[in-house]
């Protein structure tokens, strides 16, 4: 009897989770399966691949920053470029104004971020720089969360906001969360990339390639 095993380490992303759920639905009727999903940030996804704690990892990084970090037996495949965005509920009162929304307009609304990170993802050596540029370091109203579920629930059910990535396919319908363009100062890198990591020996793993296709489909439209 064949056991279908697949271990994933991923950034906190509801769109990535949707791809994973679709994969589970396709395999849940198999005789045996052992799927593992771990949400983590920073360099953990890379470390999990190197030390065989995952079969495929998904991570965010500044464009080109991993060129000298990837061991020779690991494949890094870029999925897409993403833009920093303002993230808030589709029912946020400012959206009813039908005009461009700036951070200044959100000054009176709570700012949501993860407990151990200043932003929903770790992209720079010094996040304080970005927080200072965006004037969020001294924001008077803060809501600190420690899970993606809490992050999404707070955003979708209140008038709070956060800084995240541009929308994935069908994000607004699935999660009631919108991503809006964020105006960053000239010279500051406004984009980053999402990529996947896997070991060269797993290049022809069927489950890995099925999941990779689902992930690409959600970010390529």
N, C-alpha and C. Protein backbone atom coordinates (compact mmCIF):
# COMPACT_ATOMS: atom_id res chain seq x y z
N UNK A 1 0.86 -1.20 0.00
CA UNK A 1 0.00 0.00 0.00
C UNK A 1 0.89 1.25 0.00
N UNK A 2 0.69 2.13 -0.97
CA UNK A 2 1.55 3.31 -1.11
C UNK A 2 1.11 4.42 -0.16
N UNK A 3 2.08 4.96 0.57
CA UNK A 3 1.78 6.11 1.42
C UNK A 3 2.18 7.38 0.68
N UNK A 4 1.28 8.33 0.62
CA UNK A 4 1.54 9.61 -0.03
C UNK A 4 1.98 10.60 1.04
N UNK A 5 3.24 10.99 1.00
CA UNK A 5 3.81 11.87 2.02
C UNK A 5 4.29 13.16 1.38
N UNK A 6 4.01 14.29 2.07
CA UNK A 6 4.42 15.59 1.54
C UNK A 6 4.51 16.59 2.68
N UNK A 7 5.68 17.21 2.83
CA UNK A 7 5.92 18.18 3.91
C UNK A 7 6.20 19.55 3.31
N UNK A 8 5.47 20.56 3.81
CA UNK A 8 5.60 21.93 3.29
C UNK A 8 5.95 22.89 4.43
N UNK A 9 6.88 23.79 4.17
CA UNK A 9 7.12 24.93 5.04
C UNK A 9 6.81 26.18 4.23
N UNK A 10 5.97 27.05 4.74
CA UNK A 10 5.52 28.19 3.93
C UNK A 10 5.41 29.46 4.74
N UNK A 11 5.52 30.58 4.03
CA UNK A 11 5.24 31.88 4.62
C UNK A 11 3.76 31.91 5.04
N UNK A 12 3.43 32.83 5.89
CA UNK A 12 2.02 32.98 6.28
C UNK A 12 1.26 33.60 5.11
N UNK A 13 0.48 32.79 4.44
CA UNK A 13 -0.26 33.27 3.27
C UNK A 13 -1.52 32.44 3.10
N UNK A 14 -2.65 33.11 3.08
CA UNK A 14 -3.93 32.42 2.87
C UNK A 14 -4.03 31.86 1.46
N UNK A 15 -3.41 32.53 0.49
CA UNK A 15 -3.46 32.04 -0.89
C UNK A 15 -2.66 30.75 -1.02
N UNK A 16 -1.50 30.70 -0.38
CA UNK A 16 -0.71 29.46 -0.38
C UNK A 16 -1.50 28.34 0.29
N UNK A 17 -2.16 28.66 1.39
CA UNK A 17 -2.97 27.66 2.09
C UNK A 17 -4.10 27.14 1.20
N UNK A 18 -4.71 28.01 0.40
CA UNK A 18 -5.77 27.58 -0.50
C UNK A 18 -5.25 26.54 -1.50
N UNK A 19 -4.05 26.76 -2.01
CA UNK A 19 -3.45 25.79 -2.93
C UNK A 19 -3.22 24.46 -2.21
N UNK A 20 -2.80 24.54 -0.97
CA UNK A 20 -2.54 23.33 -0.17
C UNK A 20 -3.84 22.58 0.12
N UNK A 21 -4.90 23.30 0.42
CA UNK A 21 -6.19 22.68 0.69
C UNK A 21 -6.72 21.96 -0.55
N UNK A 22 -6.51 22.57 -1.70
CA UNK A 22 -6.94 21.91 -2.94
C UNK A 22 -6.18 20.60 -3.13
N UNK A 23 -4.90 20.61 -2.81
CA UNK A 23 -4.09 19.39 -2.91
C UNK A 23 -4.62 18.31 -1.97
N UNK A 24 -4.95 18.69 -0.75
CA UNK A 24 -5.48 17.73 0.23
C UNK A 24 -6.78 17.11 -0.27
N UNK A 25 -7.65 17.96 -0.84
CA UNK A 25 -8.93 17.44 -1.33
C UNK A 25 -8.74 16.38 -2.42
N UNK A 26 -7.67 16.51 -3.18
CA UNK A 26 -7.41 15.55 -4.24
C UNK A 26 -6.81 14.25 -3.72
N UNK A 27 -6.18 14.32 -2.54
CA UNK A 27 -5.50 13.14 -2.00
C UNK A 27 -6.20 12.52 -0.79
N UNK A 28 -7.24 13.15 -0.27
CA UNK A 28 -7.83 12.69 0.98
C UNK A 28 -8.49 11.32 0.88
N UNK A 29 -8.79 10.85 -0.32
CA UNK A 29 -9.42 9.54 -0.48
C UNK A 29 -8.40 8.42 -0.74
N UNK A 30 -7.12 8.79 -0.75
CA UNK A 30 -6.08 7.77 -0.91
C UNK A 30 -6.05 6.88 0.33
N UNK A 31 -5.53 5.67 0.17
CA UNK A 31 -5.50 4.73 1.30
C UNK A 31 -4.66 5.25 2.46
N UNK A 32 -3.53 5.86 2.16
CA UNK A 32 -2.66 6.40 3.20
C UNK A 32 -2.06 7.71 2.74
N UNK A 33 -2.03 8.68 3.63
CA UNK A 33 -1.32 9.91 3.33
C UNK A 33 -0.81 10.52 4.63
N UNK A 34 0.30 11.23 4.53
CA UNK A 34 0.87 11.93 5.67
C UNK A 34 1.36 13.27 5.17
N UNK A 35 0.52 14.29 5.34
CA UNK A 35 0.85 15.64 4.91
C UNK A 35 1.19 16.49 6.13
N UNK A 36 2.21 17.33 5.98
CA UNK A 36 2.63 18.23 7.06
C UNK A 36 2.74 19.64 6.50
N UNK A 37 2.18 20.62 7.24
CA UNK A 37 2.23 22.02 6.80
C UNK A 37 2.69 22.89 7.97
N UNK A 38 3.79 23.60 7.77
CA UNK A 38 4.35 24.45 8.81
C UNK A 38 4.49 25.87 8.29
N UNK A 39 3.91 26.83 8.99
CA UNK A 39 4.03 28.23 8.60
C UNK A 39 5.18 28.86 9.37
N UNK A 40 6.11 29.46 8.64
CA UNK A 40 7.28 30.05 9.27
C UNK A 40 7.83 31.16 8.39
N UNK A 41 8.68 32.00 8.95
CA UNK A 41 9.21 33.12 8.20
C UNK A 41 10.73 33.17 8.22
N UNK A 42 11.29 34.31 7.82
CA UNK A 42 12.73 34.47 7.79
C UNK A 42 13.39 33.46 6.88
N UNK A 43 14.50 32.88 7.35
CA UNK A 43 15.23 31.88 6.57
C UNK A 43 14.83 30.46 6.93
N UNK A 44 13.83 30.30 7.79
CA UNK A 44 13.40 28.96 8.20
C UNK A 44 13.01 28.06 7.03
N UNK A 45 12.27 28.58 6.02
CA UNK A 45 11.92 27.71 4.88
C UNK A 45 13.15 27.11 4.20
N UNK A 46 14.21 27.89 4.04
CA UNK A 46 15.44 27.37 3.44
C UNK A 46 16.07 26.32 4.34
N UNK A 47 16.16 26.61 5.63
CA UNK A 47 16.76 25.66 6.56
C UNK A 47 15.99 24.34 6.59
N UNK A 48 14.67 24.42 6.50
CA UNK A 48 13.86 23.19 6.54
C UNK A 48 14.11 22.30 5.33
N UNK A 49 14.39 22.92 4.17
CA UNK A 49 14.72 22.14 2.98
C UNK A 49 16.10 21.50 3.14
N UNK A 50 17.07 22.28 3.58
CA UNK A 50 18.44 21.80 3.72
C UNK A 50 18.51 20.62 4.69
N UNK A 51 17.76 20.71 5.79
CA UNK A 51 17.82 19.68 6.83
C UNK A 51 16.68 18.66 6.72
N UNK A 52 16.05 18.58 5.55
CA UNK A 52 15.04 17.57 5.25
C UNK A 52 13.83 17.61 6.18
N UNK A 53 13.51 18.80 6.67
CA UNK A 53 12.30 18.94 7.48
C UNK A 53 11.08 19.25 6.60
N UNK A 54 11.33 19.57 5.33
CA UNK A 54 10.24 19.78 4.38
C UNK A 54 10.66 19.31 3.00
N UNK A 55 9.66 19.01 2.16
CA UNK A 55 9.92 18.62 0.77
C UNK A 55 9.89 19.82 -0.15
N UNK A 56 9.12 20.84 0.24
CA UNK A 56 9.02 22.07 -0.54
C UNK A 56 8.80 23.23 0.42
N UNK A 57 9.53 24.31 0.20
CA UNK A 57 9.38 25.50 1.04
C UNK A 57 9.03 26.71 0.19
N UNK A 58 8.28 27.62 0.77
CA UNK A 58 7.87 28.84 0.09
C UNK A 58 8.30 30.00 0.95
N UNK A 59 8.97 30.98 0.34
CA UNK A 59 9.43 32.12 1.14
C UNK A 59 9.40 33.42 0.35
N UNK A 60 9.38 34.53 1.08
CA UNK A 60 9.51 35.85 0.51
C UNK A 60 10.97 36.29 0.66
N UNK A 61 11.45 37.09 -0.26
CA UNK A 61 12.80 37.65 -0.12
C UNK A 61 12.93 38.87 -1.03
N UNK A 62 13.84 39.79 -0.69
CA UNK A 62 14.13 40.89 -1.64
C UNK A 62 14.66 40.29 -2.93
N UNK A 63 14.31 40.87 -4.05
CA UNK A 63 14.68 40.31 -5.36
C UNK A 63 16.18 40.09 -5.46
N UNK A 64 16.56 38.86 -5.81
CA UNK A 64 17.96 38.53 -6.02
C UNK A 64 18.79 38.31 -4.78
N UNK A 65 18.18 38.43 -3.61
CA UNK A 65 18.96 38.36 -2.36
C UNK A 65 19.41 36.95 -2.00
N UNK A 66 18.80 35.92 -2.61
CA UNK A 66 19.15 34.55 -2.25
C UNK A 66 20.21 33.93 -3.16
N UNK A 67 20.72 34.70 -4.09
CA UNK A 67 21.65 34.17 -5.08
C UNK A 67 22.84 33.45 -4.46
N UNK A 68 23.33 33.95 -3.33
CA UNK A 68 24.52 33.36 -2.71
C UNK A 68 24.16 32.55 -1.46
N UNK A 69 22.88 32.33 -1.24
CA UNK A 69 22.44 31.63 -0.04
C UNK A 69 22.04 30.18 -0.31
N UNK A 70 21.79 29.83 -1.57
CA UNK A 70 21.22 28.53 -1.90
C UNK A 70 22.33 27.50 -2.13
N UNK A 71 22.36 26.41 -1.35
CA UNK A 71 23.34 25.35 -1.57
C UNK A 71 23.15 24.70 -2.94
N UNK A 72 24.18 24.08 -3.46
CA UNK A 72 24.17 23.55 -4.82
C UNK A 72 23.14 22.44 -5.03
N UNK A 73 22.76 21.74 -3.97
CA UNK A 73 21.80 20.64 -4.14
C UNK A 73 20.35 21.08 -3.97
N UNK A 74 20.14 22.40 -3.81
CA UNK A 74 18.79 22.96 -3.63
C UNK A 74 18.40 23.78 -4.86
N UNK A 75 17.17 23.60 -5.31
CA UNK A 75 16.63 24.38 -6.43
C UNK A 75 15.80 25.53 -5.87
N UNK A 76 16.06 26.74 -6.36
CA UNK A 76 15.20 27.88 -6.04
C UNK A 76 14.48 28.30 -7.31
N UNK A 77 13.17 28.38 -7.24
CA UNK A 77 12.36 28.73 -8.41
C UNK A 77 11.45 29.92 -8.05
N UNK A 78 11.65 31.01 -8.73
CA UNK A 78 10.84 32.20 -8.49
C UNK A 78 9.41 31.98 -8.98
N UNK A 79 8.45 32.35 -8.15
CA UNK A 79 7.04 32.26 -8.53
C UNK A 79 6.56 33.57 -9.14
N UNK A 80 6.84 34.67 -8.47
CA UNK A 80 6.37 35.96 -8.97
C UNK A 80 6.98 37.10 -8.17
N UNK A 81 6.87 38.30 -8.71
CA UNK A 81 7.20 39.53 -7.98
C UNK A 81 5.93 40.02 -7.30
N UNK A 82 6.09 40.58 -6.12
CA UNK A 82 4.96 41.12 -5.37
C UNK A 82 5.26 42.55 -4.94
N UNK A 83 4.23 43.34 -4.83
CA UNK A 83 4.36 44.73 -4.40
C UNK A 83 3.88 44.89 -2.96
N UNK A 84 4.59 45.72 -2.20
CA UNK A 84 4.07 46.09 -0.87
C UNK A 84 2.71 46.75 -1.06
N UNK A 85 1.76 46.42 -0.20
CA UNK A 85 0.40 46.94 -0.34
C UNK A 85 -0.20 47.25 1.03
N UNK A 86 -1.19 48.13 1.01
CA UNK A 86 -2.04 48.33 2.18
C UNK A 86 -3.09 47.23 2.17
N UNK A 87 -3.27 46.58 3.31
CA UNK A 87 -4.20 45.46 3.39
C UNK A 87 -5.30 45.80 4.39
N UNK A 88 -6.56 45.66 3.97
CA UNK A 88 -7.68 45.98 4.86
C UNK A 88 -8.94 45.24 4.40
N UNK A 89 -9.99 45.36 5.18
CA UNK A 89 -11.25 44.69 4.87
C UNK A 89 -11.90 45.28 3.62
N UNK A 90 -12.59 44.43 2.86
CA UNK A 90 -13.33 44.92 1.69
C UNK A 90 -14.47 45.83 2.12
N UNK A 91 -14.82 45.78 3.40
CA UNK A 91 -15.91 46.62 3.92
C UNK A 91 -15.39 47.85 4.65
N UNK A 92 -14.11 48.14 4.53
CA UNK A 92 -13.54 49.29 5.23
C UNK A 92 -14.22 50.57 4.74
N UNK A 93 -14.57 51.46 5.67
CA UNK A 93 -15.29 52.70 5.28
C UNK A 93 -14.54 53.56 4.27
N UNK A 94 -13.21 53.53 4.28
CA UNK A 94 -12.46 54.36 3.34
C UNK A 94 -12.64 53.90 1.89
N UNK A 95 -12.94 52.62 1.70
CA UNK A 95 -13.14 52.12 0.34
C UNK A 95 -14.41 52.69 -0.28
N UNK A 96 -15.33 53.12 0.55
CA UNK A 96 -16.58 53.68 0.04
C UNK A 96 -16.38 55.07 -0.56
N UNK A 97 -15.20 55.67 -0.30
CA UNK A 97 -14.93 57.01 -0.84
C UNK A 97 -14.58 56.96 -2.33
N UNK A 98 -14.27 55.76 -2.83
CA UNK A 98 -13.92 55.58 -4.24
C UNK A 98 -12.77 56.50 -4.66
N UNK A 99 -11.73 56.56 -3.83
CA UNK A 99 -10.56 57.35 -4.16
C UNK A 99 -9.31 56.62 -3.66
N UNK A 100 -8.14 57.05 -4.11
CA UNK A 100 -6.89 56.43 -3.69
C UNK A 100 -6.70 56.61 -2.19
N UNK A 101 -6.29 55.54 -1.51
CA UNK A 101 -6.13 55.58 -0.05
C UNK A 101 -4.65 55.65 0.29
N UNK A 102 -4.29 56.60 1.13
CA UNK A 102 -2.90 56.75 1.58
C UNK A 102 -2.79 56.34 3.05
N UNK A 103 -1.56 56.16 3.51
CA UNK A 103 -1.35 55.82 4.93
C UNK A 103 -1.82 56.96 5.84
N UNK A 104 -1.69 58.18 5.37
CA UNK A 104 -2.14 59.32 6.17
C UNK A 104 -3.63 59.22 6.46
N UNK A 105 -4.40 58.72 5.51
CA UNK A 105 -5.84 58.58 5.70
C UNK A 105 -6.17 57.49 6.73
N UNK A 106 -5.21 56.60 6.98
CA UNK A 106 -5.44 55.49 7.91
C UNK A 106 -4.92 55.79 9.32
N UNK A 107 -4.52 57.03 9.54
CA UNK A 107 -3.91 57.40 10.82
C UNK A 107 -4.80 57.12 12.02
N UNK A 108 -6.11 57.19 11.84
CA UNK A 108 -7.03 57.01 12.96
C UNK A 108 -7.51 55.56 13.12
N UNK A 109 -6.98 54.67 12.29
CA UNK A 109 -7.42 53.27 12.34
C UNK A 109 -6.31 52.39 12.93
N UNK A 110 -6.67 51.29 13.59
CA UNK A 110 -5.66 50.41 14.20
C UNK A 110 -4.78 49.72 13.17
N UNK A 111 -3.51 49.58 13.52
CA UNK A 111 -2.54 48.90 12.67
C UNK A 111 -2.30 47.49 13.23
N UNK A 112 -2.39 46.47 12.38
CA UNK A 112 -2.24 45.07 12.80
C UNK A 112 -0.89 44.53 12.37
N UNK A 113 -0.19 43.87 13.28
CA UNK A 113 1.06 43.21 12.90
C UNK A 113 1.32 42.02 13.81
N UNK A 114 2.22 41.15 13.35
CA UNK A 114 2.52 39.94 14.11
C UNK A 114 3.39 40.23 15.32
N UNK A 115 3.21 39.44 16.35
CA UNK A 115 3.90 39.64 17.62
C UNK A 115 5.42 39.63 17.47
N UNK A 116 5.97 38.65 16.76
CA UNK A 116 7.42 38.52 16.67
C UNK A 116 8.01 39.22 15.46
N UNK A 117 7.17 39.89 14.67
CA UNK A 117 7.66 40.59 13.49
C UNK A 117 6.96 41.94 13.39
N UNK A 118 7.68 42.91 12.84
CA UNK A 118 7.07 44.23 12.66
C UNK A 118 6.12 44.25 11.49
N UNK A 119 6.34 43.33 10.53
CA UNK A 119 5.47 43.22 9.36
C UNK A 119 5.02 41.77 9.22
N UNK A 120 4.03 41.51 8.37
CA UNK A 120 3.58 40.13 8.18
C UNK A 120 4.64 39.22 7.57
N UNK A 121 5.78 39.76 7.15
CA UNK A 121 6.87 38.95 6.62
C UNK A 121 8.17 39.69 6.88
N UNK A 122 9.27 38.95 6.95
CA UNK A 122 10.57 39.54 7.26
C UNK A 122 11.37 39.64 5.95
N UNK A 123 11.69 40.89 5.56
CA UNK A 123 12.36 41.08 4.27
C UNK A 123 13.68 41.82 4.37
N UNK A 124 13.89 42.54 5.41
CA UNK A 124 15.11 43.34 5.50
C UNK A 124 15.85 43.05 6.78
N UNK A 125 17.13 43.37 6.79
CA UNK A 125 17.94 43.19 8.00
C UNK A 125 17.45 44.13 9.10
N UNK A 126 16.93 45.27 8.72
CA UNK A 126 16.50 46.25 9.71
C UNK A 126 15.09 46.72 9.38
N UNK A 127 14.10 46.03 9.92
CA UNK A 127 12.71 46.38 9.63
C UNK A 127 12.34 47.75 10.17
N UNK A 128 13.07 48.19 11.19
CA UNK A 128 12.77 49.49 11.78
C UNK A 128 12.86 50.60 10.73
N UNK A 129 13.73 50.42 9.74
CA UNK A 129 13.87 51.43 8.68
C UNK A 129 12.55 51.60 7.94
N UNK A 130 11.96 50.46 7.53
CA UNK A 130 10.70 50.52 6.81
C UNK A 130 9.59 51.07 7.69
N UNK A 131 9.55 50.61 8.93
CA UNK A 131 8.51 51.09 9.84
C UNK A 131 8.62 52.59 10.06
N UNK A 132 9.84 53.09 10.14
CA UNK A 132 10.06 54.52 10.34
C UNK A 132 9.66 55.31 9.10
N UNK A 133 10.05 54.80 7.93
CA UNK A 133 9.68 55.46 6.67
C UNK A 133 8.17 55.58 6.53
N UNK A 134 7.47 54.51 6.91
CA UNK A 134 6.01 54.51 6.78
C UNK A 134 5.32 55.19 7.96
N UNK A 135 6.11 55.66 8.92
CA UNK A 135 5.59 56.35 10.10
C UNK A 135 4.64 55.46 10.91
N UNK A 136 4.91 54.15 10.90
CA UNK A 136 4.05 53.22 11.64
C UNK A 136 4.64 52.83 12.98
N UNK A 137 5.91 53.16 13.17
CA UNK A 137 6.58 52.77 14.41
C UNK A 137 5.92 53.43 15.62
N UNK A 138 5.40 54.63 15.42
CA UNK A 138 4.75 55.35 16.52
C UNK A 138 3.24 55.44 16.33
N UNK A 139 2.69 54.51 15.56
CA UNK A 139 1.24 54.52 15.34
C UNK A 139 0.53 54.38 16.68
N UNK A 140 -0.47 55.24 16.96
CA UNK A 140 -1.10 55.25 18.29
C UNK A 140 -2.00 54.06 18.59
N UNK A 141 -2.45 53.36 17.54
CA UNK A 141 -3.38 52.24 17.75
C UNK A 141 -2.78 50.97 17.15
N UNK A 142 -2.42 50.01 17.99
CA UNK A 142 -1.79 48.79 17.52
C UNK A 142 -2.56 47.55 17.97
N UNK A 143 -2.66 46.59 17.08
CA UNK A 143 -3.23 45.29 17.42
C UNK A 143 -2.18 44.24 17.06
N UNK A 144 -1.71 43.51 18.06
CA UNK A 144 -0.64 42.53 17.87
C UNK A 144 -1.25 41.13 17.87
N UNK A 145 -0.92 40.35 16.85
CA UNK A 145 -1.45 38.98 16.73
C UNK A 145 -0.28 38.00 16.57
N UNK A 146 -0.56 36.73 16.73
CA UNK A 146 0.52 35.74 16.59
C UNK A 146 0.16 34.58 15.68
N UNK A 147 -0.89 34.75 14.86
CA UNK A 147 -1.24 33.69 13.91
C UNK A 147 -1.91 34.30 12.68
N UNK A 148 -1.83 33.57 11.56
CA UNK A 148 -2.46 34.05 10.34
C UNK A 148 -3.98 34.12 10.50
N UNK A 149 -4.56 33.16 11.23
CA UNK A 149 -6.01 33.16 11.44
C UNK A 149 -6.44 34.43 12.17
N UNK A 150 -5.71 34.78 13.23
CA UNK A 150 -6.02 35.99 13.98
C UNK A 150 -5.82 37.23 13.10
N UNK A 151 -4.75 37.25 12.34
CA UNK A 151 -4.46 38.38 11.45
C UNK A 151 -5.61 38.59 10.46
N UNK A 152 -6.04 37.52 9.80
CA UNK A 152 -7.12 37.63 8.82
C UNK A 152 -8.45 38.00 9.48
N UNK A 153 -8.73 37.42 10.63
CA UNK A 153 -10.00 37.71 11.31
C UNK A 153 -10.09 39.16 11.76
N UNK A 154 -8.99 39.67 12.31
CA UNK A 154 -9.00 41.07 12.75
C UNK A 154 -9.19 42.00 11.55
N UNK A 155 -8.46 41.75 10.47
CA UNK A 155 -8.58 42.61 9.29
C UNK A 155 -9.97 42.55 8.67
N UNK A 156 -10.51 41.34 8.54
CA UNK A 156 -11.78 41.19 7.81
C UNK A 156 -13.00 41.61 8.64
N UNK A 157 -12.86 41.68 9.97
CA UNK A 157 -14.02 41.99 10.81
C UNK A 157 -13.92 43.32 11.54
N UNK A 158 -12.87 44.10 11.26
CA UNK A 158 -12.73 45.41 11.89
C UNK A 158 -12.29 46.41 10.83
N UNK A 159 -12.11 47.66 11.25
CA UNK A 159 -11.64 48.71 10.35
C UNK A 159 -10.14 48.93 10.47
N UNK A 160 -9.42 47.91 10.90
CA UNK A 160 -7.97 47.99 11.02
C UNK A 160 -7.30 47.84 9.65
N UNK A 161 -5.97 47.93 9.62
CA UNK A 161 -5.23 47.76 8.37
C UNK A 161 -3.85 47.19 8.68
N UNK A 162 -3.16 46.75 7.65
CA UNK A 162 -1.78 46.28 7.81
C UNK A 162 -1.02 46.54 6.53
N UNK A 163 0.26 46.15 6.52
CA UNK A 163 1.08 46.21 5.32
C UNK A 163 1.36 44.77 4.90
N UNK A 164 1.04 44.45 3.65
CA UNK A 164 1.23 43.09 3.18
C UNK A 164 1.60 43.08 1.72
N UNK A 165 1.20 42.04 1.03
CA UNK A 165 1.51 41.91 -0.39
C UNK A 165 0.28 42.17 -1.24
N UNK A 166 0.50 42.33 -2.53
CA UNK A 166 -0.62 42.50 -3.45
C UNK A 166 -1.49 41.25 -3.44
N UNK A 167 -2.69 41.38 -3.93
CA UNK A 167 -3.67 40.30 -3.84
C UNK A 167 -3.32 39.11 -4.71
N UNK A 168 -3.64 37.92 -4.19
CA UNK A 168 -3.60 36.71 -5.00
C UNK A 168 -4.94 36.54 -5.69
N UNK A 169 -5.06 35.52 -6.52
CA UNK A 169 -6.29 35.28 -7.26
C UNK A 169 -7.46 35.06 -6.31
N UNK A 170 -8.54 35.82 -6.53
CA UNK A 170 -9.80 35.66 -5.79
C UNK A 170 -9.68 35.95 -4.30
N UNK A 171 -8.67 36.71 -3.91
CA UNK A 171 -8.45 37.01 -2.49
C UNK A 171 -9.65 37.68 -1.84
N UNK A 172 -10.23 38.67 -2.51
CA UNK A 172 -11.33 39.43 -1.91
C UNK A 172 -12.55 38.56 -1.66
N UNK A 173 -12.87 37.67 -2.60
CA UNK A 173 -14.03 36.80 -2.43
C UNK A 173 -13.80 35.73 -1.37
N UNK A 174 -12.58 35.23 -1.29
CA UNK A 174 -12.28 34.15 -0.35
C UNK A 174 -12.15 34.65 1.09
N UNK A 175 -11.51 35.82 1.27
CA UNK A 175 -11.14 36.24 2.63
C UNK A 175 -11.69 37.61 3.03
N UNK A 176 -12.41 38.28 2.13
CA UNK A 176 -12.95 39.62 2.42
C UNK A 176 -11.85 40.62 2.78
N UNK A 177 -10.69 40.44 2.16
CA UNK A 177 -9.55 41.32 2.41
C UNK A 177 -9.05 41.87 1.08
N UNK A 178 -8.84 43.19 1.04
CA UNK A 178 -8.37 43.85 -0.17
C UNK A 178 -6.92 44.31 -0.01
N UNK A 179 -6.18 44.32 -1.12
CA UNK A 179 -4.81 44.84 -1.13
C UNK A 179 -4.78 46.04 -2.06
N UNK A 180 -4.30 47.18 -1.55
CA UNK A 180 -4.28 48.42 -2.31
C UNK A 180 -2.85 48.90 -2.50
N UNK A 181 -2.56 49.62 -3.59
CA UNK A 181 -1.21 50.11 -3.84
C UNK A 181 -0.69 50.97 -2.68
N UNK A 182 0.59 50.78 -2.36
CA UNK A 182 1.24 51.53 -1.29
C UNK A 182 2.29 52.44 -1.90
N UNK A 183 2.18 53.73 -1.63
CA UNK A 183 3.12 54.70 -2.18
C UNK A 183 4.33 54.79 -1.27
N UNK A 184 5.49 54.29 -1.76
CA UNK A 184 6.72 54.31 -0.97
C UNK A 184 7.66 55.40 -1.48
N UNK A 185 8.51 55.92 -0.62
CA UNK A 185 9.44 56.99 -1.03
C UNK A 185 10.35 56.54 -2.16
N UNK A 186 10.78 57.48 -2.97
CA UNK A 186 11.67 57.18 -4.08
C UNK A 186 12.97 56.56 -3.57
N UNK A 187 13.41 55.51 -4.22
CA UNK A 187 14.65 54.86 -3.81
C UNK A 187 14.45 53.66 -2.91
N UNK A 188 13.26 53.53 -2.33
CA UNK A 188 13.00 52.37 -1.48
C UNK A 188 12.45 51.23 -2.33
N UNK A 189 13.01 50.04 -2.17
CA UNK A 189 12.58 48.90 -2.98
C UNK A 189 11.12 48.56 -2.66
N UNK A 190 10.26 48.76 -3.66
CA UNK A 190 8.83 48.61 -3.43
C UNK A 190 8.33 47.20 -3.68
N UNK A 191 9.19 46.32 -4.20
CA UNK A 191 8.75 44.97 -4.51
C UNK A 191 9.65 43.92 -3.88
N UNK A 192 9.16 42.72 -3.82
CA UNK A 192 9.92 41.58 -3.35
C UNK A 192 9.44 40.38 -4.14
N UNK A 193 9.99 39.22 -3.90
CA UNK A 193 9.58 38.07 -4.69
C UNK A 193 9.19 36.90 -3.81
N UNK A 194 8.28 36.09 -4.36
CA UNK A 194 7.93 34.82 -3.74
C UNK A 194 8.60 33.71 -4.54
N UNK A 195 9.21 32.77 -3.84
CA UNK A 195 9.85 31.67 -4.53
C UNK A 195 9.69 30.37 -3.77
N UNK A 196 9.98 29.26 -4.43
CA UNK A 196 9.91 27.95 -3.80
C UNK A 196 11.29 27.31 -3.80
N UNK A 197 11.50 26.44 -2.83
CA UNK A 197 12.75 25.71 -2.69
C UNK A 197 12.45 24.23 -2.59
N UNK A 198 13.26 23.42 -3.25
CA UNK A 198 13.15 21.97 -3.11
C UNK A 198 14.49 21.35 -3.47
N UNK A 199 14.70 20.13 -3.04
CA UNK A 199 15.96 19.45 -3.32
C UNK A 199 15.96 18.90 -4.76
N UNK A 200 17.10 18.95 -5.41
CA UNK A 200 17.20 18.50 -6.80
C UNK A 200 16.72 17.07 -6.96
N UNK A 201 16.95 16.25 -5.97
CA UNK A 201 16.54 14.84 -6.04
C UNK A 201 15.03 14.68 -6.08
N UNK A 202 14.29 15.74 -5.68
CA UNK A 202 12.83 15.67 -5.65
C UNK A 202 12.18 16.35 -6.86
N UNK A 203 12.99 16.68 -7.87
CA UNK A 203 12.49 17.45 -9.01
C UNK A 203 11.30 16.78 -9.70
N UNK A 204 11.26 15.45 -9.69
CA UNK A 204 10.18 14.75 -10.40
C UNK A 204 9.15 14.14 -9.43
N UNK A 205 9.13 14.65 -8.21
CA UNK A 205 8.13 14.23 -7.23
C UNK A 205 6.75 14.71 -7.71
N UNK A 206 5.83 13.77 -7.93
CA UNK A 206 4.52 14.12 -8.49
C UNK A 206 3.73 15.08 -7.62
N UNK A 207 3.68 14.80 -6.31
CA UNK A 207 2.91 15.66 -5.41
C UNK A 207 3.51 17.06 -5.39
N UNK A 208 4.83 17.13 -5.32
CA UNK A 208 5.50 18.44 -5.30
C UNK A 208 5.12 19.24 -6.54
N UNK A 209 5.16 18.63 -7.70
CA UNK A 209 4.87 19.35 -8.95
C UNK A 209 3.39 19.72 -9.07
N UNK A 210 2.52 18.89 -8.54
CA UNK A 210 1.09 19.23 -8.54
C UNK A 210 0.84 20.46 -7.68
N UNK A 211 1.45 20.49 -6.50
CA UNK A 211 1.28 21.64 -5.60
C UNK A 211 1.91 22.90 -6.20
N UNK A 212 3.07 22.75 -6.82
CA UNK A 212 3.74 23.88 -7.43
C UNK A 212 2.88 24.49 -8.54
N UNK A 213 2.23 23.67 -9.33
CA UNK A 213 1.35 24.18 -10.38
C UNK A 213 0.17 24.95 -9.79
N UNK A 214 -0.42 24.43 -8.74
CA UNK A 214 -1.55 25.10 -8.10
C UNK A 214 -1.11 26.46 -7.55
N UNK A 215 0.09 26.51 -7.01
CA UNK A 215 0.61 27.75 -6.46
C UNK A 215 0.83 28.77 -7.57
N UNK A 216 1.45 28.35 -8.66
CA UNK A 216 1.70 29.25 -9.79
C UNK A 216 0.41 29.77 -10.39
N UNK A 217 -0.61 28.90 -10.46
CA UNK A 217 -1.89 29.31 -11.02
C UNK A 217 -2.51 30.46 -10.22
N UNK A 218 -2.27 30.47 -8.93
CA UNK A 218 -2.89 31.48 -8.07
C UNK A 218 -2.15 32.82 -8.09
N UNK A 219 -0.94 32.82 -8.59
CA UNK A 219 -0.18 34.08 -8.62
C UNK A 219 0.21 34.52 -10.02
N UNK A 220 -0.26 33.81 -11.03
CA UNK A 220 0.15 34.14 -12.40
C UNK A 220 -0.94 34.84 -13.21
N UNK A 221 -2.10 35.06 -12.58
CA UNK A 221 -3.21 35.67 -13.32
C UNK A 221 -3.33 37.15 -13.00
